[in-house]
């Protein structure tokens, strides 16, 4: 994508790159932090990231107030707030601020919890009827964040992969400004026991290019984890990220078991937003530029 000083309007059909979306989210977050007088800081560098903290009024600028109160009241949900950012040792705004993944303005985990943990969306034991219908699950699905199901290997061992959210028999993977779904050499992908059971391997891994990095490695693992757990799988990503959406459909097109393929889906945050309460709409529009799709 050519460089543009001003990003397209969120409802524009123009695709966004990861860097462009990240820049827009951080600009929105900085405006939100300053106007609401929220505890925040910025990482050093030419493209600073905005990070938020818990202030003396028990506010956290990266979260909708109702969602944050629900997270803090639930021990399992609250543990997710302690997730360490992968770059915390390389880059830190201040030496006395222990940077966490969900403090970052562009965190997809924070966006997911903002939505799912809102009291009108879910409780510790159930999820609202509109969201349940959208995801194709029962309302008695209890949200569980950050589980690590095993992906069986041909050796009999398990490869662990992280799933952002489990709702009963549905695994959910959330993406926002991540650059990709990771790439891997064919030899890593071919390690998995159920690969031929699920995928048309010739479509997924070109046999004439044994050293080429295959896109969508994380998706392949998560799909295989869902298959081994007899679960469904859903990717949540931003409608502006066409690159991520195209990678998902490339992986999905290689799934040749129709009954299992029917349990695999992609939803955008914009589609998700259409089923959310109005106060959450406003928060998502202001902080993330996410407008409900019509």
C-alpha atoms as a PDB file:
ATOM      1  CA  UNK A   1       0.000   0.000   0.000  1.00  0.00           C
ATOM      2  CA  UNK A   2       1.353   3.445  -0.843  1.00  0.00           C
ATOM      3  CA  UNK A   3       2.079   5.718   2.088  1.00  0.00           C
ATOM      4  CA  UNK A   4      -0.716   8.115   2.998  1.00  0.00           C
ATOM      5  CA  UNK A   5      -0.534  10.799   5.656  1.00  0.00           C
ATOM      6  CA  UNK A   6      -4.220  10.384   6.432  1.00  0.00           C
ATOM      7  CA  UNK A   7      -5.639   6.841   6.633  1.00  0.00           C
ATOM      8  CA  UNK A   8      -8.824   5.978   4.768  1.00  0.00           C
ATOM      9  CA  UNK A   9     -12.124   6.409   6.589  1.00  0.00           C
ATOM     10  CA  UNK A  10     -12.861   3.264   8.655  1.00  0.00           C
ATOM     11  CA  UNK A  11     -15.824   2.463   6.401  1.00  0.00           C
ATOM     12  CA  UNK A  12     -13.761   2.915   3.237  1.00  0.00           C
ATOM     13  CA  UNK A  13     -13.267  -0.090   0.962  1.00  0.00           C
ATOM     14  CA  UNK A  14      -9.544   0.648   0.741  1.00  0.00           C
ATOM     15  CA  UNK A  15      -7.360  -1.953   2.516  1.00  0.00           C
ATOM     16  CA  UNK A  16      -5.196  -0.985   5.470  1.00  0.00           C
ATOM     17  CA  UNK A  17      -1.748  -2.296   6.303  1.00  0.00           C
ATOM     18  CA  UNK A  18      -0.832  -3.392   9.821  1.00  0.00           C
ATOM     19  CA  UNK A  19       1.397  -0.330  10.243  1.00  0.00           C
ATOM     20  CA  UNK A  20      -1.287   2.084   9.049  1.00  0.00           C
ATOM     21  CA  UNK A  21      -3.930   0.627  11.357  1.00  0.00           C
ATOM     22  CA  UNK A  22      -1.486   0.615  14.278  1.00  0.00           C
ATOM     23  CA  UNK A  23      -0.670   4.285  13.687  1.00  0.00           C
ATOM     24  CA  UNK A  24      -4.349   5.212  13.527  1.00  0.00           C
ATOM     25  CA  UNK A  25      -5.137   3.292  16.733  1.00  0.00           C
ATOM     26  CA  UNK A  26      -2.311   4.985  18.605  1.00  0.00           C
ATOM     27  CA  UNK A  27      -3.432   8.427  17.420  1.00  0.00           C
ATOM     28  CA  UNK A  28      -6.949   7.646  18.607  1.00  0.00           C
ATOM     29  CA  UNK A  29      -5.633   6.299  21.908  1.00  0.00           C
ATOM     30  CA  UNK A  30      -3.534   9.397  22.548  1.00  0.00           C
ATOM     31  CA  UNK A  31      -6.508  11.669  21.899  1.00  0.00           C
ATOM     32  CA  UNK A  32      -8.660   9.487  24.177  1.00  0.00           C
ATOM     33  CA  UNK A  33      -6.017   9.569  26.919  1.00  0.00           C
ATOM     34  CA  UNK A  34      -5.503  13.316  26.809  1.00  0.00           C
ATOM     35  CA  UNK A  35      -9.163  14.334  26.573  1.00  0.00           C
ATOM     36  CA  UNK A  36     -10.238  11.926  29.345  1.00  0.00           C
ATOM     37  CA  UNK A  37      -7.139  12.613  31.472  1.00  0.00           C
ATOM     38  CA  UNK A  38      -6.209   8.961  31.675  1.00  0.00           C
ATOM     39  CA  UNK A  39      -2.962   7.521  32.973  1.00  0.00           C
ATOM     40  CA  UNK A  40      -0.840   6.755  29.914  1.00  0.00           C
ATOM     41  CA  UNK A  41       2.635   6.866  28.437  1.00  0.00           C
ATOM     42  CA  UNK A  42       4.259   6.428  25.049  1.00  0.00           C
ATOM     43  CA  UNK A  43       7.065   4.119  24.066  1.00  0.00           C
ATOM     44  CA  UNK A  44      10.217   5.728  22.629  1.00  0.00           C
ATOM     45  CA  UNK A  45      10.936   5.756  18.908  1.00  0.00           C
ATOM     46  CA  UNK A  46       9.626   7.204  15.670  1.00  0.00           C
ATOM     47  CA  UNK A  47       6.345   5.287  15.845  1.00  0.00           C
ATOM     48  CA  UNK A  48       5.431   5.384  19.537  1.00  0.00           C
ATOM     49  CA  UNK A  49       2.833   3.101  21.000  1.00  0.00           C
ATOM     50  CA  UNK A  50       0.400   4.364  23.613  1.00  0.00           C
ATOM     51  CA  UNK A  51       0.213   2.325  26.794  1.00  0.00           C
ATOM     52  CA  UNK A  52      -2.340   2.779  29.549  1.00  0.00           C
ATOM     53  CA  UNK A  53      -2.279   2.052  33.263  1.00  0.00           C
ATOM     54  CA  UNK A  54      -4.643   1.646  36.209  1.00  0.00           C
ATOM     55  CA  UNK A  55      -5.071   5.081  37.783  1.00  0.00           C
ATOM     56  CA  UNK A  56      -6.060   6.242  41.271  1.00  0.00           C
ATOM     57  CA  UNK A  57      -9.713   6.359  40.225  1.00  0.00           C
ATOM     58  CA  UNK A  58      -9.589   2.650  39.258  1.00  0.00           C
ATOM     59  CA  UNK A  59      -9.783   3.517  35.555  1.00  0.00           C
ATOM     60  CA  UNK A  60      -7.769   1.853  32.815  1.00  0.00           C
ATOM     61  CA  UNK A  61      -7.840   3.796  29.567  1.00  0.00           C
ATOM     62  CA  UNK A  62      -7.488   0.730  27.388  1.00  0.00           C
ATOM     63  CA  UNK A  63     -10.830  -0.646  28.580  1.00  0.00           C
ATOM     64  CA  UNK A  64     -14.475   0.313  28.598  1.00  0.00           C
ATOM     65  CA  UNK A  65     -15.281   1.097  32.273  1.00  0.00           C
ATOM     66  CA  UNK A  66     -17.975  -1.590  32.583  1.00  0.00           C
ATOM     67  CA  UNK A  67     -15.772  -4.213  30.943  1.00  0.00           C
ATOM     68  CA  UNK A  68     -12.805  -3.336  33.151  1.00  0.00           C
ATOM     69  CA  UNK A  69     -14.893  -3.559  36.328  1.00  0.00           C
ATOM     70  CA  UNK A  70     -16.130  -7.010  35.261  1.00  0.00           C
ATOM     71  CA  UNK A  71     -12.580  -8.169  34.448  1.00  0.00           C
ATOM     72  CA  UNK A  72     -11.246  -7.021  37.827  1.00  0.00           C
ATOM     73  CA  UNK A  73     -14.106  -8.799  39.634  1.00  0.00           C
ATOM     74  CA  UNK A  74     -13.395 -12.152  37.948  1.00  0.00           C
ATOM     75  CA  UNK A  75     -10.130 -13.852  39.038  1.00  0.00           C
ATOM     76  CA  UNK A  76      -9.791 -15.909  35.833  1.00  0.00           C
ATOM     77  CA  UNK A  77     -10.356 -12.898  33.609  1.00  0.00           C
ATOM     78  CA  UNK A  78      -8.132 -10.676  35.775  1.00  0.00           C
ATOM     79  CA  UNK A  79      -5.167 -13.030  35.351  1.00  0.00           C
ATOM     80  CA  UNK A  80      -5.206 -12.212  31.647  1.00  0.00           C
ATOM     81  CA  UNK A  81      -4.222  -8.628  32.492  1.00  0.00           C
ATOM     82  CA  UNK A  82      -0.836  -9.911  33.684  1.00  0.00           C
ATOM     83  CA  UNK A  83       0.089 -11.301  30.250  1.00  0.00           C
ATOM     84  CA  UNK A  84       3.592 -10.051  29.485  1.00  0.00           C
ATOM     85  CA  UNK A  85       4.167  -8.203  26.241  1.00  0.00           C
ATOM     86  CA  UNK A  86       6.616 -10.020  23.950  1.00  0.00           C
ATOM     87  CA  UNK A  87       8.745  -6.864  23.593  1.00  0.00           C
ATOM     88  CA  UNK A  88       8.730  -5.774  27.231  1.00  0.00           C
ATOM     89  CA  UNK A  89      12.473  -6.373  27.680  1.00  0.00           C
ATOM     90  CA  UNK A  90      13.436  -4.610  24.456  1.00  0.00           C
ATOM     91  CA  UNK A  91      11.260  -1.544  24.721  1.00  0.00           C
ATOM     92  CA  UNK A  92       9.769   0.118  27.740  1.00  0.00           C
ATOM     93  CA  UNK A  93       8.415   3.626  28.149  1.00  0.00           C
ATOM     94  CA  UNK A  94       9.617   3.948  31.739  1.00  0.00           C
ATOM     95  CA  UNK A  95      11.823   1.767  33.864  1.00  0.00           C
ATOM     96  CA  UNK A  96       9.230   1.706  36.656  1.00  0.00           C
ATOM     97  CA  UNK A  97       6.345   0.664  34.402  1.00  0.00           C
ATOM     98  CA  UNK A  98       6.098  -3.071  33.774  1.00  0.00           C
ATOM     99  CA  UNK A  99       4.586  -3.123  30.305  1.00  0.00           C
ATOM    100  CA  UNK A 100       1.814  -5.695  29.850  1.00  0.00           C
ATOM    101  CA  UNK A 101       0.271  -6.906  26.599  1.00  0.00           C
ATOM    102  CA  UNK A 102      -3.204  -5.618  27.405  1.00  0.00           C
ATOM    103  CA  UNK A 103      -1.940  -2.134  28.344  1.00  0.00           C
ATOM    104  CA  UNK A 104      -1.036  -1.507  24.703  1.00  0.00           C
ATOM    105  CA  UNK A 105      -3.544   0.531  22.671  1.00  0.00           C
ATOM    106  CA  UNK A 106      -3.298  -1.844  19.700  1.00  0.00           C
ATOM    107  CA  UNK A 107      -3.687  -5.082  21.687  1.00  0.00           C
ATOM    108  CA  UNK A 108      -6.148  -7.487  20.071  1.00  0.00           C
ATOM    109  CA  UNK A 109      -6.512  -9.288  23.425  1.00  0.00           C
ATOM    110  CA  UNK A 110      -7.629  -6.041  25.058  1.00  0.00           C
ATOM    111  CA  UNK A 111     -10.141  -5.418  22.265  1.00  0.00           C
ATOM    112  CA  UNK A 112     -11.528  -8.944  22.674  1.00  0.00           C
ATOM    113  CA  UNK A 113     -11.917  -8.553  26.441  1.00  0.00           C
ATOM    114  CA  UNK A 114     -13.462  -5.099  26.044  1.00  0.00           C
ATOM    115  CA  UNK A 115     -16.240  -6.758  24.076  1.00  0.00           C
ATOM    116  CA  UNK A 116     -16.702 -10.160  25.702  1.00  0.00           C
ATOM    117  CA  UNK A 117     -16.355  -8.957  29.293  1.00  0.00           C
ATOM    118  CA  UNK A 118     -18.945  -6.191  28.982  1.00  0.00           C
ATOM    119  CA  UNK A 119     -21.791  -7.096  31.383  1.00  0.00           C
ATOM    120  CA  UNK A 120     -24.393  -6.889  28.614  1.00  0.00           C
ATOM    121  CA  UNK A 121     -22.367  -9.252  26.423  1.00  0.00           C
ATOM    122  CA  UNK A 122     -21.286 -12.010  28.800  1.00  0.00           C
ATOM    123  CA  UNK A 123     -21.011 -13.111  32.408  1.00  0.00           C
ATOM    124  CA  UNK A 124     -18.719 -15.735  33.896  1.00  0.00           C
ATOM    125  CA  UNK A 125     -21.337 -18.407  33.068  1.00  0.00           C
ATOM    126  CA  UNK A 126     -23.082 -17.262  29.887  1.00  0.00           C
ATOM    127  CA  UNK A 127     -23.089 -15.072  26.801  1.00  0.00           C
ATOM    128  CA  UNK A 128     -25.819 -12.846  25.381  1.00  0.00           C
ATOM    129  CA  UNK A 129     -28.304 -14.234  22.873  1.00  0.00           C
ATOM    130  CA  UNK A 130     -27.254 -11.895  19.988  1.00  0.00           C
ATOM    131  CA  UNK A 131     -23.599 -12.900  20.300  1.00  0.00           C
ATOM    132  CA  UNK A 132     -24.485 -16.574  20.743  1.00  0.00           C
ATOM    133  CA  UNK A 133     -26.515 -16.472  17.515  1.00  0.00           C
ATOM    134  CA  UNK A 134     -23.697 -14.711  15.684  1.00  0.00           C
ATOM    135  CA  UNK A 135     -21.152 -17.316  16.776  1.00  0.00           C
ATOM    136  CA  UNK A 136     -23.482 -20.295  16.479  1.00  0.00           C
ATOM    137  CA  UNK A 137     -23.187 -21.376  20.126  1.00  0.00           C
ATOM    138  CA  UNK A 138     -25.463 -21.796  23.154  1.00  0.00           C
ATOM    139  CA  UNK A 139     -25.964 -18.928  25.577  1.00  0.00           C
ATOM    140  CA  UNK A 140     -24.629 -21.040  28.464  1.00  0.00           C
ATOM    141  CA  UNK A 141     -21.085 -20.864  27.073  1.00  0.00           C
ATOM    142  CA  UNK A 142     -18.660 -19.625  29.743  1.00  0.00           C
ATOM    143  CA  UNK A 143     -15.852 -17.379  28.396  1.00  0.00           C
ATOM    144  CA  UNK A 144     -12.357 -18.728  29.095  1.00  0.00           C
ATOM    145  CA  UNK A 145      -9.373 -16.653  28.003  1.00  0.00           C
ATOM    146  CA  UNK A 146      -5.874 -17.803  27.085  1.00  0.00           C
ATOM    147  CA  UNK A 147      -6.104 -21.589  27.003  1.00  0.00           C
ATOM    148  CA  UNK A 148      -3.433 -23.829  25.504  1.00  0.00           C
ATOM    149  CA  UNK A 149      -4.858 -26.885  23.738  1.00  0.00           C
ATOM    150  CA  UNK A 150      -2.516 -29.513  22.380  1.00  0.00           C
ATOM    151  CA  UNK A 151      -1.929 -30.113  18.694  1.00  0.00           C
ATOM    152  CA  UNK A 152      -0.971 -33.820  18.230  1.00  0.00           C
ATOM    153  CA  UNK A 153       2.343 -34.496  16.485  1.00  0.00           C
ATOM    154  CA  UNK A 154       3.252 -37.613  14.510  1.00  0.00           C
ATOM    155  CA  UNK A 155       5.694 -38.523  17.301  1.00  0.00           C
ATOM    156  CA  UNK A 156       2.843 -38.872  19.801  1.00  0.00           C
ATOM    157  CA  UNK A 157       3.791 -35.662  21.595  1.00  0.00           C
ATOM    158  CA  UNK A 158       1.766 -32.450  21.681  1.00  0.00           C
ATOM    159  CA  UNK A 159       2.593 -29.014  20.332  1.00  0.00           C
ATOM    160  CA  UNK A 160       0.922 -26.351  22.456  1.00  0.00           C
ATOM    161  CA  UNK A 161      -0.791 -23.401  20.798  1.00  0.00           C
ATOM    162  CA  UNK A 162      -2.546 -20.510  22.507  1.00  0.00           C
ATOM    163  CA  UNK A 163      -6.217 -19.822  21.872  1.00  0.00           C
ATOM    164  CA  UNK A 164      -7.406 -16.343  22.852  1.00  0.00           C
ATOM    165  CA  UNK A 165     -10.923 -17.360  23.864  1.00  0.00           C
ATOM    166  CA  UNK A 166     -12.940 -20.526  24.351  1.00  0.00           C
ATOM    167  CA  UNK A 167     -16.740 -20.444  24.395  1.00  0.00           C
ATOM    168  CA  UNK A 168     -17.910 -23.979  25.088  1.00  0.00           C
ATOM    169  CA  UNK A 169     -16.811 -25.920  21.968  1.00  0.00           C
ATOM    170  CA  UNK A 170     -15.741 -22.828  20.030  1.00  0.00           C
ATOM    171  CA  UNK A 171     -12.133 -21.600  19.858  1.00  0.00           C
ATOM    172  CA  UNK A 172     -11.681 -17.913  18.967  1.00  0.00           C
ATOM    173  CA  UNK A 173      -8.512 -16.248  17.672  1.00  0.00           C
ATOM    174  CA  UNK A 174      -8.435 -12.422  17.781  1.00  0.00           C
ATOM    175  CA  UNK A 175      -6.312 -10.258  15.482  1.00  0.00           C
ATOM    176  CA  UNK A 176      -5.972  -6.517  15.026  1.00  0.00           C
ATOM    177  CA  UNK A 177      -2.596  -5.006  14.062  1.00  0.00           C
ATOM    178  CA  UNK A 178      -0.529  -8.197  13.973  1.00  0.00           C
ATOM    179  CA  UNK A 179       1.525  -8.238  10.784  1.00  0.00           C
ATOM    180  CA  UNK A 180       0.536 -11.791   9.816  1.00  0.00           C
ATOM    181  CA  UNK A 181      -0.602 -15.220  10.974  1.00  0.00           C
ATOM    182  CA  UNK A 182       3.071 -16.278  11.030  1.00  0.00           C
ATOM    183  CA  UNK A 183       4.960 -18.297   8.432  1.00  0.00           C
ATOM    184  CA  UNK A 184       6.701 -21.645   8.720  1.00  0.00           C
ATOM    185  CA  UNK A 185       8.789 -23.992   6.584  1.00  0.00           C
ATOM    186  CA  UNK A 186       6.935 -27.083   5.303  1.00  0.00           C
ATOM    187  CA  UNK A 187       8.910 -29.394   7.591  1.00  0.00           C
ATOM    188  CA  UNK A 188       7.298 -27.741  10.633  1.00  0.00           C
ATOM    189  CA  UNK A 189       3.802 -28.037   9.206  1.00  0.00           C
ATOM    190  CA  UNK A 190       4.280 -31.658   8.155  1.00  0.00           C
ATOM    191  CA  UNK A 191       4.979 -32.658  11.787  1.00  0.00           C
ATOM    192  CA  UNK A 192       1.282 -32.667  12.702  1.00  0.00           C
ATOM    193  CA  UNK A 193      -0.531 -35.982  13.033  1.00  0.00           C
ATOM    194  CA  UNK A 194      -3.904 -34.887  11.627  1.00  0.00           C
ATOM    195  CA  UNK A 195      -2.619 -32.790   8.744  1.00  0.00           C
ATOM    196  CA  UNK A 196      -3.777 -35.192   6.007  1.00  0.00           C
ATOM    197  CA  UNK A 197      -7.060 -35.806   7.853  1.00  0.00           C
ATOM    198  CA  UNK A 198      -7.966 -32.124   7.673  1.00  0.00           C
ATOM    199  CA  UNK A 199      -6.097 -30.524   4.776  1.00  0.00           C
ATOM    200  CA  UNK A 200      -5.389 -31.118   1.132  1.00  0.00           C
ATOM    201  CA  UNK A 201      -1.672 -30.989   1.806  1.00  0.00           C
ATOM    202  CA  UNK A 202      -0.761 -30.404  -1.846  1.00  0.00           C
ATOM    203  CA  UNK A 203      -2.742 -27.154  -1.788  1.00  0.00           C
ATOM    204  CA  UNK A 204      -1.373 -26.109   1.569  1.00  0.00           C
ATOM    205  CA  UNK A 205       2.297 -27.060   1.157  1.00  0.00           C
ATOM    206  CA  UNK A 206       3.678 -26.955  -2.403  1.00  0.00           C
ATOM    207  CA  UNK A 207       5.845 -30.055  -2.824  1.00  0.00           C
ATOM    208  CA  UNK A 208       8.144 -28.434  -5.359  1.00  0.00           C
ATOM    209  CA  UNK A 209       9.186 -25.652  -2.952  1.00  0.00           C
ATOM    210  CA  UNK A 210      10.394 -27.414   0.215  1.00  0.00           C
ATOM    211  CA  UNK A 211      12.112 -24.352   1.692  1.00  0.00           C
ATOM    212  CA  UNK A 212       9.467 -21.709   1.046  1.00  0.00           C
ATOM    213  CA  UNK A 213       7.823 -20.238   4.167  1.00  0.00           C
ATOM    214  CA  UNK A 214       4.113 -21.068   4.186  1.00  0.00           C
ATOM    215  CA  UNK A 215       1.812 -18.244   5.372  1.00  0.00           C
ATOM    216  CA  UNK A 216      -0.896 -18.910   7.945  1.00  0.00           C
ATOM    217  CA  UNK A 217       1.090 -21.245  10.190  1.00  0.00           C
ATOM    218  CA  UNK A 218      -0.774 -20.059  13.302  1.00  0.00           C
ATOM    219  CA  UNK A 219      -4.107 -20.676  11.605  1.00  0.00           C
ATOM    220  CA  UNK A 220      -3.061 -24.180  10.549  1.00  0.00           C
ATOM    221  CA  UNK A 221      -2.110 -25.055  14.122  1.00  0.00           C
ATOM    222  CA  UNK A 222      -5.315 -23.586  15.540  1.00  0.00           C
ATOM    223  CA  UNK A 223      -7.489 -25.405  13.020  1.00  0.00           C
ATOM    224  CA  UNK A 224      -5.715 -28.653  13.892  1.00  0.00           C
ATOM    225  CA  UNK A 225      -6.152 -27.916  17.607  1.00  0.00           C
ATOM    226  CA  UNK A 226      -9.890 -27.450  17.035  1.00  0.00           C
ATOM    227  CA  UNK A 227     -10.071 -30.702  15.075  1.00  0.00           C
ATOM    228  CA  UNK A 228      -8.255 -32.662  17.798  1.00  0.00           C
ATOM    229  CA  UNK A 229     -10.553 -31.155  20.455  1.00  0.00           C
ATOM    230  CA  UNK A 230     -13.733 -31.730  18.397  1.00  0.00           C
ATOM    231  CA  UNK A 231     -14.286 -27.973  18.507  1.00  0.00           C
ATOM    232  CA  UNK A 232     -15.235 -25.206  16.079  1.00  0.00           C
ATOM    233  CA  UNK A 233     -12.892 -22.328  15.271  1.00  0.00           C
ATOM    234  CA  UNK A 234     -13.503 -18.640  14.533  1.00  0.00           C
ATOM    235  CA  UNK A 235     -11.084 -15.898  13.526  1.00  0.00           C
ATOM    236  CA  UNK A 236     -11.964 -12.360  14.591  1.00  0.00           C
ATOM    237  CA  UNK A 237     -10.152  -9.654  12.659  1.00  0.00           C
ATOM    238  CA  UNK A 238     -10.632  -6.143  11.360  1.00  0.00           C
ATOM    239  CA  UNK A 239     -12.454  -5.724   8.049  1.00  0.00           C
ATOM    240  CA  UNK A 240      -9.763  -3.228   7.056  1.00  0.00           C
ATOM    241  CA  UNK A 241      -7.091  -5.955   7.142  1.00  0.00           C
ATOM    242  CA  UNK A 242      -7.700  -7.652   3.817  1.00  0.00           C
ATOM    243  CA  UNK A 243      -4.282  -9.286   3.985  1.00  0.00           C
ATOM    244  CA  UNK A 244      -5.260 -11.285   7.083  1.00  0.00           C
ATOM    245  CA  UNK A 245      -8.647 -12.156   5.606  1.00  0.00           C
ATOM    246  CA  UNK A 246      -7.030 -13.435   2.390  1.00  0.00           C
ATOM    247  CA  UNK A 247      -4.615 -15.610   4.392  1.00  0.00           C
ATOM    248  CA  UNK A 248      -7.531 -17.121   6.306  1.00  0.00           C
ATOM    249  CA  UNK A 249      -9.419 -18.025   3.145  1.00  0.00           C
ATOM    250  CA  UNK A 250      -6.269 -19.495   1.622  1.00  0.00           C
ATOM    251  CA  UNK A 251      -5.967 -21.847   4.609  1.00  0.00           C
ATOM    252  CA  UNK A 252      -9.705 -22.552   4.686  1.00  0.00           C
ATOM    253  CA  UNK A 253      -9.729 -23.446   0.972  1.00  0.00           C
ATOM    254  CA  UNK A 254      -7.279 -26.269   1.722  1.00  0.00           C
ATOM    255  CA  UNK A 255      -9.637 -27.901   4.267  1.00  0.00           C
ATOM    256  CA  UNK A 256     -11.277 -30.737   2.365  1.00  0.00           C
ATOM    257  CA  UNK A 257     -13.525 -32.277   5.062  1.00  0.00           C
ATOM    258  CA  UNK A 258     -16.873 -30.514   4.409  1.00  0.00           C
ATOM    259  CA  UNK A 259     -18.376 -31.353   7.782  1.00  0.00           C
ATOM    260  CA  UNK A 260     -15.385 -29.910   9.593  1.00  0.00           C
ATOM    261  CA  UNK A 261     -15.004 -26.928   7.232  1.00  0.00           C
ATOM    262  CA  UNK A 262     -18.549 -25.914   8.185  1.00  0.00           C
ATOM    263  CA  UNK A 263     -17.279 -25.397  11.759  1.00  0.00           C
ATOM    264  CA  UNK A 264     -14.635 -22.901  10.633  1.00  0.00           C
ATOM    265  CA  UNK A 265     -15.514 -19.239  10.185  1.00  0.00           C
ATOM    266  CA  UNK A 266     -14.243 -15.683  10.067  1.00  0.00           C
ATOM    267  CA  UNK A 267     -16.039 -12.680  11.535  1.00  0.00           C
ATOM    268  CA  UNK A 268     -14.885  -9.084  11.498  1.00  0.00           C
ATOM    269  CA  UNK A 269     -14.934  -6.789  14.488  1.00  0.00           C
ATOM    270  CA  UNK A 270     -17.332  -4.645  12.466  1.00  0.00           C
ATOM    271  CA  UNK A 271     -19.792  -7.549  12.154  1.00  0.00           C
ATOM    272  CA  UNK A 272     -19.371  -8.292  15.838  1.00  0.00           C
ATOM    273  CA  UNK A 273     -20.023  -4.647  16.758  1.00  0.00           C
ATOM    274  CA  UNK A 274     -23.481  -4.772  15.173  1.00  0.00           C
ATOM    275  CA  UNK A 275     -24.645  -7.099  17.969  1.00  0.00           C
ATOM    276  CA  UNK A 276     -23.242  -5.025  20.851  1.00  0.00           C
ATOM    277  CA  UNK A 277     -24.873  -2.512  23.225  1.00  0.00           C
ATOM    278  CA  UNK A 278     -24.801   1.164  22.266  1.00  0.00           C
ATOM    279  CA  UNK A 279     -22.307   2.333  24.908  1.00  0.00           C
ATOM    280  CA  UNK A 280     -19.845  -0.256  23.632  1.00  0.00           C
ATOM    281  CA  UNK A 281     -20.499   0.903  20.048  1.00  0.00           C
ATOM    282  CA  UNK A 282     -19.432   4.398  21.017  1.00  0.00           C
ATOM    283  CA  UNK A 283     -16.281   3.181  22.760  1.00  0.00           C
ATOM    284  CA  UNK A 284     -15.242   1.058  19.775  1.00  0.00           C
ATOM    285  CA  UNK A 285     -15.923   3.868  17.330  1.00  0.00           C
ATOM    286  CA  UNK A 286     -13.902   6.402  19.331  1.00  0.00           C
ATOM    287  CA  UNK A 287     -10.963   4.254  20.359  1.00  0.00           C
ATOM    288  CA  UNK A 288     -10.658   1.756  17.518  1.00  0.00           C
ATOM    289  CA  UNK A 289     -12.465   3.312  14.533  1.00  0.00           C
ATOM    290  CA  UNK A 290     -14.666   0.204  14.466  1.00  0.00           C
ATOM    291  CA  UNK A 291     -18.143   0.986  13.142  1.00  0.00           C
ATOM    292  CA  UNK A 292     -20.882  -1.674  13.024  1.00  0.00           C
ATOM    293  CA  UNK A 293     -21.305  -3.185   9.578  1.00  0.00           C
ATOM    294  CA  UNK A 294     -24.771  -2.812   8.115  1.00  0.00           C
END
